[in-house]
Amino acid sequence: MGFDPVWFGIVIVVVVELALITPPMGINVFVLKGMASDVPLMTIYKGVIPFVVAQAVLRVLLLLFSLLALWLPSTAS
């Protein structure tokens, strides 16, 4: 389809990271709930919101400017 495999891999990792902190799965959120059982789940979800926003902005930037993901690997060769 014409995608760079390195770029595609980075985008997939970013999307999976976002999936680990957002509902309904939110595996990392449930791990935090297990470690801090006295903190309500809604409080943990509210604390995760800045990270969700940052990941969403990163995803948009990677989709719009693919060279951001490819710059560092291109310096290695």
N, C-alpha and C. Protein backbone atom coordinates (compact mmCIF):
# COMPACT_ATOMS: atom_id res chain seq x y z
N MET A 1 0.80 -1.19 0.00
CA MET A 1 0.00 0.00 0.00
C MET A 1 0.86 1.27 0.00
N GLY A 2 2.15 1.12 0.01
CA GLY A 2 3.02 2.28 -0.08
C GLY A 2 3.43 2.89 1.24
N PHE A 3 3.11 2.25 2.37
CA PHE A 3 3.51 2.76 3.67
C PHE A 3 4.92 2.31 3.98
N ASP A 4 5.68 3.16 4.65
CA ASP A 4 6.99 2.77 5.16
C ASP A 4 6.77 1.83 6.34
N PRO A 5 7.42 0.66 6.36
CA PRO A 5 7.19 -0.30 7.45
C PRO A 5 7.59 0.24 8.83
N VAL A 6 8.63 1.07 8.89
CA VAL A 6 9.04 1.64 10.17
C VAL A 6 7.96 2.60 10.67
N TRP A 7 7.46 3.45 9.80
CA TRP A 7 6.40 4.39 10.16
C TRP A 7 5.16 3.63 10.63
N PHE A 8 4.79 2.60 9.89
CA PHE A 8 3.60 1.82 10.23
C PHE A 8 3.77 1.16 11.61
N GLY A 9 4.94 0.63 11.88
CA GLY A 9 5.21 0.02 13.19
C GLY A 9 5.11 1.02 14.32
N ILE A 10 5.62 2.22 14.12
CA ILE A 10 5.56 3.25 15.15
C ILE A 10 4.12 3.68 15.39
N VAL A 11 3.35 3.84 14.33
CA VAL A 11 1.94 4.21 14.47
C VAL A 11 1.17 3.12 15.22
N ILE A 12 1.45 1.87 14.91
CA ILE A 12 0.77 0.76 15.60
C ILE A 12 1.12 0.77 17.09
N VAL A 13 2.37 1.00 17.43
CA VAL A 13 2.77 1.05 18.84
C VAL A 13 2.05 2.19 19.57
N VAL A 14 1.95 3.35 18.94
CA VAL A 14 1.26 4.49 19.55
C VAL A 14 -0.22 4.18 19.76
N VAL A 15 -0.85 3.54 18.80
CA VAL A 15 -2.26 3.20 18.92
C VAL A 15 -2.48 2.15 20.02
N VAL A 16 -1.58 1.19 20.13
CA VAL A 16 -1.69 0.18 21.19
C VAL A 16 -1.49 0.82 22.56
N GLU A 17 -0.53 1.75 22.67
CA GLU A 17 -0.34 2.46 23.93
C GLU A 17 -1.60 3.21 24.33
N LEU A 18 -2.25 3.83 23.38
CA LEU A 18 -3.49 4.54 23.65
C LEU A 18 -4.58 3.57 24.10
N ALA A 19 -4.62 2.41 23.50
CA ALA A 19 -5.64 1.41 23.87
C ALA A 19 -5.42 0.88 25.29
N LEU A 20 -4.20 0.90 25.77
CA LEU A 20 -3.92 0.37 27.11
C LEU A 20 -4.39 1.30 28.23
N ILE A 21 -4.71 2.56 27.91
CA ILE A 21 -5.13 3.48 28.97
C ILE A 21 -6.55 4.00 28.78
N THR A 22 -7.24 3.60 27.73
CA THR A 22 -8.59 4.10 27.50
C THR A 22 -9.62 3.00 27.69
N PRO A 23 -10.84 3.39 28.09
CA PRO A 23 -11.91 2.41 28.23
C PRO A 23 -12.29 1.85 26.88
N PRO A 24 -12.86 0.71 26.75
CA PRO A 24 -13.32 -0.18 27.80
C PRO A 24 -12.25 -1.12 28.32
N MET A 25 -11.16 -1.32 27.61
CA MET A 25 -10.15 -2.25 28.08
C MET A 25 -9.30 -1.60 29.17
N GLY A 26 -8.47 -0.67 28.83
CA GLY A 26 -7.70 0.08 29.81
C GLY A 26 -6.94 -0.78 30.79
N ILE A 27 -6.16 -1.72 30.28
CA ILE A 27 -5.44 -2.67 31.13
C ILE A 27 -4.60 -1.95 32.18
N ASN A 28 -3.88 -0.91 31.78
CA ASN A 28 -3.03 -0.19 32.73
C ASN A 28 -3.84 0.48 33.83
N VAL A 29 -5.04 0.93 33.51
CA VAL A 29 -5.90 1.55 34.51
C VAL A 29 -6.33 0.52 35.55
N PHE A 30 -6.64 -0.68 35.11
CA PHE A 30 -7.05 -1.72 36.05
C PHE A 30 -5.87 -2.20 36.90
N VAL A 31 -4.67 -2.16 36.36
CA VAL A 31 -3.49 -2.48 37.16
C VAL A 31 -3.31 -1.44 38.26
N LEU A 32 -3.49 -0.15 37.90
CA LEU A 32 -3.41 0.91 38.90
C LEU A 32 -4.48 0.74 39.97
N LYS A 33 -5.67 0.37 39.55
CA LYS A 33 -6.76 0.15 40.52
C LYS A 33 -6.41 -0.98 41.47
N GLY A 34 -5.77 -2.02 40.95
CA GLY A 34 -5.36 -3.12 41.81
C GLY A 34 -4.28 -2.72 42.81
N MET A 35 -3.41 -1.82 42.41
CA MET A 35 -2.33 -1.38 43.30
C MET A 35 -2.82 -0.37 44.33
N ALA A 36 -3.77 0.48 43.92
CA ALA A 36 -4.31 1.50 44.82
C ALA A 36 -5.81 1.26 44.96
N SER A 37 -6.15 0.25 45.74
CA SER A 37 -7.56 -0.17 45.82
C SER A 37 -8.45 0.85 46.51
N ASP A 38 -7.87 1.79 47.26
CA ASP A 38 -8.69 2.79 47.94
C ASP A 38 -9.07 3.97 47.03
N VAL A 39 -8.45 4.07 45.84
CA VAL A 39 -8.74 5.15 44.91
C VAL A 39 -9.86 4.70 43.96
N PRO A 40 -10.92 5.50 43.82
CA PRO A 40 -12.01 5.12 42.92
C PRO A 40 -11.54 5.05 41.46
N LEU A 41 -12.15 4.16 40.71
CA LEU A 41 -11.79 3.97 39.30
C LEU A 41 -12.01 5.25 38.49
N MET A 42 -13.05 6.00 38.79
CA MET A 42 -13.32 7.24 38.07
C MET A 42 -12.20 8.26 38.29
N THR A 43 -11.63 8.30 39.48
CA THR A 43 -10.52 9.20 39.76
C THR A 43 -9.30 8.82 38.93
N ILE A 44 -9.07 7.54 38.78
CA ILE A 44 -7.94 7.08 37.97
C ILE A 44 -8.17 7.45 36.51
N TYR A 45 -9.39 7.26 36.01
CA TYR A 45 -9.68 7.63 34.63
C TYR A 45 -9.53 9.13 34.41
N LYS A 46 -9.93 9.94 35.39
CA LYS A 46 -9.75 11.39 35.27
C LYS A 46 -8.27 11.76 35.23
N GLY A 47 -7.45 11.03 35.95
CA GLY A 47 -6.01 11.29 35.96
C GLY A 47 -5.33 10.88 34.67
N VAL A 48 -5.95 10.00 33.93
CA VAL A 48 -5.36 9.50 32.68
C VAL A 48 -5.68 10.42 31.50
N ILE A 49 -6.66 11.30 31.66
CA ILE A 49 -7.10 12.15 30.55
C ILE A 49 -5.97 12.94 29.89
N PRO A 50 -5.05 13.57 30.64
CA PRO A 50 -3.95 14.29 29.95
C PRO A 50 -3.08 13.38 29.08
N PHE A 51 -2.90 12.15 29.51
CA PHE A 51 -2.10 11.21 28.74
C PHE A 51 -2.83 10.77 27.47
N VAL A 52 -4.13 10.63 27.56
CA VAL A 52 -4.94 10.28 26.38
C VAL A 52 -4.87 11.42 25.36
N VAL A 53 -4.98 12.64 25.83
CA VAL A 53 -4.90 13.79 24.93
C VAL A 53 -3.52 13.86 24.28
N ALA A 54 -2.46 13.66 25.06
CA ALA A 54 -1.11 13.69 24.51
C ALA A 54 -0.91 12.60 23.46
N GLN A 55 -1.41 11.40 23.73
CA GLN A 55 -1.28 10.30 22.76
C GLN A 55 -2.08 10.60 21.50
N ALA A 56 -3.24 11.19 21.65
CA ALA A 56 -4.06 11.53 20.48
C ALA A 56 -3.37 12.58 19.63
N VAL A 57 -2.78 13.59 20.26
CA VAL A 57 -2.04 14.61 19.52
C VAL A 57 -0.84 13.98 18.81
N LEU A 58 -0.13 13.10 19.49
CA LEU A 58 1.00 12.42 18.87
C LEU A 58 0.57 11.60 17.67
N ARG A 59 -0.56 10.91 17.80
CA ARG A 59 -1.06 10.11 16.68
C ARG A 59 -1.40 10.99 15.48
N VAL A 60 -2.04 12.11 15.72
CA VAL A 60 -2.37 13.03 14.62
C VAL A 60 -1.10 13.58 13.98
N LEU A 61 -0.12 13.94 14.79
CA LEU A 61 1.14 14.45 14.24
C LEU A 61 1.86 13.40 13.40
N LEU A 62 1.84 12.16 13.86
CA LEU A 62 2.50 11.09 13.10
C LEU A 62 1.77 10.82 11.78
N LEU A 63 0.46 10.99 11.77
CA LEU A 63 -0.28 10.78 10.54
C LEU A 63 -0.09 11.93 9.56
N LEU A 64 -0.01 13.16 10.09
CA LEU A 64 0.15 14.32 9.21
C LEU A 64 1.60 14.51 8.75
N PHE A 65 2.53 14.28 9.64
CA PHE A 65 3.95 14.49 9.34
C PHE A 65 4.71 13.19 9.58
N SER A 66 4.69 12.31 8.62
CA SER A 66 5.31 10.99 8.79
C SER A 66 6.82 11.08 8.96
N LEU A 67 7.42 12.17 8.54
CA LEU A 67 8.87 12.31 8.71
C LEU A 67 9.28 12.42 10.17
N LEU A 68 8.36 12.79 11.05
CA LEU A 68 8.67 12.81 12.48
C LEU A 68 9.05 11.42 12.98
N ALA A 69 8.37 10.42 12.48
CA ALA A 69 8.65 9.04 12.90
C ALA A 69 9.87 8.47 12.19
N LEU A 70 10.19 9.00 11.03
CA LEU A 70 11.26 8.43 10.22
C LEU A 70 12.59 9.17 10.36
N TRP A 71 12.60 10.31 11.05
CA TRP A 71 13.83 11.10 11.13
C TRP A 71 14.93 10.36 11.89
N LEU A 72 14.67 9.87 13.08
CA LEU A 72 15.70 9.20 13.88
C LEU A 72 16.22 7.92 13.23
N PRO A 73 15.35 7.05 12.73
CA PRO A 73 15.90 5.86 12.05
C PRO A 73 16.72 6.21 10.81
N SER A 74 16.38 7.31 10.12
CA SER A 74 17.14 7.67 8.93
C SER A 74 18.54 8.17 9.27
N THR A 75 18.77 8.66 10.49
CA THR A 75 20.11 9.12 10.88
C THR A 75 21.04 7.95 11.20
N ALA A 76 20.47 6.78 11.45
CA ALA A 76 21.28 5.61 11.80
C ALA A 76 21.97 4.98 10.60
N SER A 77 21.46 5.22 9.40
CA SER A 77 22.06 4.57 8.24
C SER A 77 23.02 5.44 7.48
